[in-house]
Amino acid sequence: MIRIVTLDEYEAPILKALAKTLYTAFAVGAEHSGSVTVPHGQVEPYDANKLLDTLPKVQAFADDKVLFLTTRKLSPRKLASGEAPTAGLSRYKGQKAIVTSSVIKTL
């Protein structure tokens, strides 16, 4: 199961569409499991690594994945070749990931 946890307010139809897209892509159930607030001391643009470390623990089973969703910007990643924009971050073999919708252009 993929547990979608929001850091900002999203409309229910958007979360339902995201859950459906995740199910289609990964053949694993997905559901909105609530909201959490950003820990004190975090400033936009958020450092995705620090944010994942400081976000509160979400109740999940051992094989569940937690996807945090935000409308705020994430700071660029520093690479040997320069900086790269960050739309999300997950850790290899980790249980948590974060994705921002700030990079999506609306009509």
C-alpha atoms as a PDB file:
ATOM      1  CA  MET A   1       0.000   0.000   0.000  1.00  0.00           C
ATOM      2  CA  ILE A   2       1.154   3.519  -0.794  1.00  0.00           C
ATOM      3  CA  ARG A   3       0.020   5.962   1.864  1.00  0.00           C
ATOM      4  CA  ILE A   4      -0.337   9.517   0.528  1.00  0.00           C
ATOM      5  CA  VAL A   5       0.226  12.096   3.269  1.00  0.00           C
ATOM      6  CA  THR A   6      -0.231  15.776   2.441  1.00  0.00           C
ATOM      7  CA  LEU A   7       1.764  18.666   3.855  1.00  0.00           C
ATOM      8  CA  ASP A   8      -0.578  21.224   2.260  1.00  0.00           C
ATOM      9  CA  GLU A   9      -4.257  21.260   1.355  1.00  0.00           C
ATOM     10  CA  TYR A  10      -5.326  19.400  -1.793  1.00  0.00           C
ATOM     11  CA  GLU A  11      -8.783  18.887  -3.226  1.00  0.00           C
ATOM     12  CA  ALA A  12     -10.237  15.385  -2.850  1.00  0.00           C
ATOM     13  CA  PRO A  13     -10.570  14.746  -6.631  1.00  0.00           C
ATOM     14  CA  ILE A  14      -6.842  15.446  -7.110  1.00  0.00           C
ATOM     15  CA  LEU A  15      -5.880  12.983  -4.372  1.00  0.00           C
ATOM     16  CA  LYS A  16      -8.260  10.384  -5.800  1.00  0.00           C
ATOM     17  CA  ALA A  17      -6.727  10.807  -9.277  1.00  0.00           C
ATOM     18  CA  LEU A  18      -3.216  10.512  -7.822  1.00  0.00           C
ATOM     19  CA  ALA A  19      -4.141   7.306  -5.987  1.00  0.00           C
ATOM     20  CA  LYS A  20      -5.574   5.884  -9.212  1.00  0.00           C
ATOM     21  CA  THR A  21      -2.428   6.844 -11.143  1.00  0.00           C
ATOM     22  CA  LEU A  22      -0.181   5.216  -8.525  1.00  0.00           C
ATOM     23  CA  TYR A  23      -2.291   2.050  -8.652  1.00  0.00           C
ATOM     24  CA  THR A  24      -2.054   1.988 -12.453  1.00  0.00           C
ATOM     25  CA  ALA A  25       1.706   2.584 -12.435  1.00  0.00           C
ATOM     26  CA  PHE A  26       2.721   0.228  -9.628  1.00  0.00           C
ATOM     27  CA  ALA A  27      -0.214  -2.205  -9.273  1.00  0.00           C
ATOM     28  CA  VAL A  28      -0.277  -1.407  -5.552  1.00  0.00           C
ATOM     29  CA  GLY A  29      -3.173   0.159  -3.688  1.00  0.00           C
ATOM     30  CA  ALA A  30      -2.872   3.821  -2.731  1.00  0.00           C
ATOM     31  CA  GLU A  31      -4.931   5.993  -0.406  1.00  0.00           C
ATOM     32  CA  HIS A  32      -4.842   9.385   1.259  1.00  0.00           C
ATOM     33  CA  SER A  33      -3.856   8.688   4.864  1.00  0.00           C
ATOM     34  CA  GLY A  34      -4.068  12.180   6.314  1.00  0.00           C
ATOM     35  CA  SER A  35      -2.101  15.370   6.656  1.00  0.00           C
ATOM     36  CA  VAL A  36       0.878  16.470   8.714  1.00  0.00           C
ATOM     37  CA  THR A  37       2.419  19.871   9.307  1.00  0.00           C
ATOM     38  CA  VAL A  38       5.903  20.824   8.252  1.00  0.00           C
ATOM     39  CA  PRO A  39       8.282  20.666  11.220  1.00  0.00           C
ATOM     40  CA  HIS A  40       9.351  23.949  12.779  1.00  0.00           C
ATOM     41  CA  GLY A  41      12.496  25.435  11.296  1.00  0.00           C
ATOM     42  CA  GLN A  42      11.892  24.389   7.693  1.00  0.00           C
ATOM     43  CA  VAL A  43      11.934  27.288   5.207  1.00  0.00           C
ATOM     44  CA  GLU A  44      10.838  27.239   1.560  1.00  0.00           C
ATOM     45  CA  PRO A  45      12.417  26.027  -0.642  1.00  0.00           C
ATOM     46  CA  TYR A  46      12.614  22.895   1.480  1.00  0.00           C
ATOM     47  CA  ASP A  47      15.725  20.754   1.576  1.00  0.00           C
ATOM     48  CA  ALA A  48      14.126  17.408   0.647  1.00  0.00           C
ATOM     49  CA  ASN A  49      16.665  15.297   2.573  1.00  0.00           C
ATOM     50  CA  LYS A  50      16.293  17.283   5.789  1.00  0.00           C
ATOM     51  CA  LEU A  51      12.529  17.394   5.400  1.00  0.00           C
ATOM     52  CA  LEU A  52      12.287  13.603   5.040  1.00  0.00           C
ATOM     53  CA  ASP A  53      14.429  13.221   8.170  1.00  0.00           C
ATOM     54  CA  THR A  54      12.281  15.572  10.267  1.00  0.00           C
ATOM     55  CA  LEU A  55       8.756  14.707   9.131  1.00  0.00           C
ATOM     56  CA  PRO A  56       6.663  12.953  11.754  1.00  0.00           C
ATOM     57  CA  LYS A  57       6.311   9.196  11.585  1.00  0.00           C
ATOM     58  CA  VAL A  58       3.176   8.011   9.812  1.00  0.00           C
ATOM     59  CA  GLN A  59       1.527   4.809  10.953  1.00  0.00           C
ATOM     60  CA  ALA A  60       2.119   2.210   8.257  1.00  0.00           C
ATOM     61  CA  PHE A  61       2.701  -1.511   7.990  1.00  0.00           C
ATOM     62  CA  ALA A  62       6.169  -2.907   7.288  1.00  0.00           C
ATOM     63  CA  ASP A  63       5.624  -3.223   3.533  1.00  0.00           C
ATOM     64  CA  ASP A  64       3.783   0.123   3.093  1.00  0.00           C
ATOM     65  CA  LYS A  65       5.377   3.134   1.440  1.00  0.00           C
ATOM     66  CA  VAL A  66       4.644   6.709   2.515  1.00  0.00           C
ATOM     67  CA  LEU A  67       4.457   9.434  -0.137  1.00  0.00           C
ATOM     68  CA  PHE A  68       4.489  12.974   1.250  1.00  0.00           C
ATOM     69  CA  LEU A  69       2.919  15.518  -1.092  1.00  0.00           C
ATOM     70  CA  THR A  70       3.477  19.284  -0.962  1.00  0.00           C
ATOM     71  CA  THR A  71       2.668  22.357  -3.042  1.00  0.00           C
ATOM     72  CA  ARG A  72       5.869  24.090  -1.906  1.00  0.00           C
ATOM     73  CA  LYS A  73       9.162  24.193  -3.767  1.00  0.00           C
ATOM     74  CA  LEU A  74      12.076  21.890  -2.987  1.00  0.00           C
ATOM     75  CA  SER A  75      15.607  23.257  -3.149  1.00  0.00           C
ATOM     76  CA  PRO A  76      17.817  22.165  -6.055  1.00  0.00           C
ATOM     77  CA  ARG A  77      20.164  19.216  -5.561  1.00  0.00           C
ATOM     78  CA  LYS A  78      23.869  19.945  -5.656  1.00  0.00           C
ATOM     79  CA  LEU A  79      25.718  17.725  -8.134  1.00  0.00           C
ATOM     80  CA  ALA A  80      29.307  17.625  -9.350  1.00  0.00           C
ATOM     81  CA  SER A  81      28.135  19.251 -12.583  1.00  0.00           C
ATOM     82  CA  GLY A  82      26.091  21.986 -10.880  1.00  0.00           C
ATOM     83  CA  GLU A  83      22.552  22.173  -9.521  1.00  0.00           C
ATOM     84  CA  ALA A  84      19.562  20.132 -10.675  1.00  0.00           C
ATOM     85  CA  PRO A  85      15.923  21.032 -10.031  1.00  0.00           C
ATOM     86  CA  THR A  86      14.193  18.775  -7.520  1.00  0.00           C
ATOM     87  CA  ALA A  87      10.601  17.637  -8.053  1.00  0.00           C
ATOM     88  CA  GLY A  88      10.858  14.831  -5.517  1.00  0.00           C
ATOM     89  CA  LEU A  89      13.122  12.598  -3.516  1.00  0.00           C
ATOM     90  CA  SER A  90      13.070   8.999  -2.401  1.00  0.00           C
ATOM     91  CA  ARG A  91      15.761   6.938  -0.821  1.00  0.00           C
ATOM     92  CA  TYR A  92      16.837   3.569  -2.176  1.00  0.00           C
ATOM     93  CA  LYS A  93      15.213   0.805  -0.117  1.00  0.00           C
ATOM     94  CA  GLY A  94      13.511   3.478   1.993  1.00  0.00           C
ATOM     95  CA  GLN A  95       9.919   3.684   3.114  1.00  0.00           C
ATOM     96  CA  LYS A  96       9.400   7.445   2.610  1.00  0.00           C
ATOM     97  CA  ALA A  97       9.418   9.777  -0.378  1.00  0.00           C
ATOM     98  CA  ILE A  98       8.417  13.385  -1.003  1.00  0.00           C
ATOM     99  CA  VAL A  99       7.017  14.940  -4.174  1.00  0.00           C
ATOM    100  CA  THR A 100       6.139  18.544  -4.926  1.00  0.00           C
ATOM    101  CA  SER A 101       3.360  19.679  -7.219  1.00  0.00           C
ATOM    102  CA  SER A 102       4.933  23.145  -7.553  1.00  0.00           C
ATOM    103  CA  VAL A 103       6.570  22.096 -10.823  1.00  0.00           C
ATOM    104  CA  ILE A 104       3.224  21.315 -12.490  1.00  0.00           C
ATOM    105  CA  LYS A 105       2.038  24.076 -14.752  1.00  0.00           C
ATOM    106  CA  THR A 106      -1.690  24.824 -14.665  1.00  0.00           C
ATOM    107  CA  LEU A 107      -3.725  26.188 -17.511  1.00  0.00           C
END
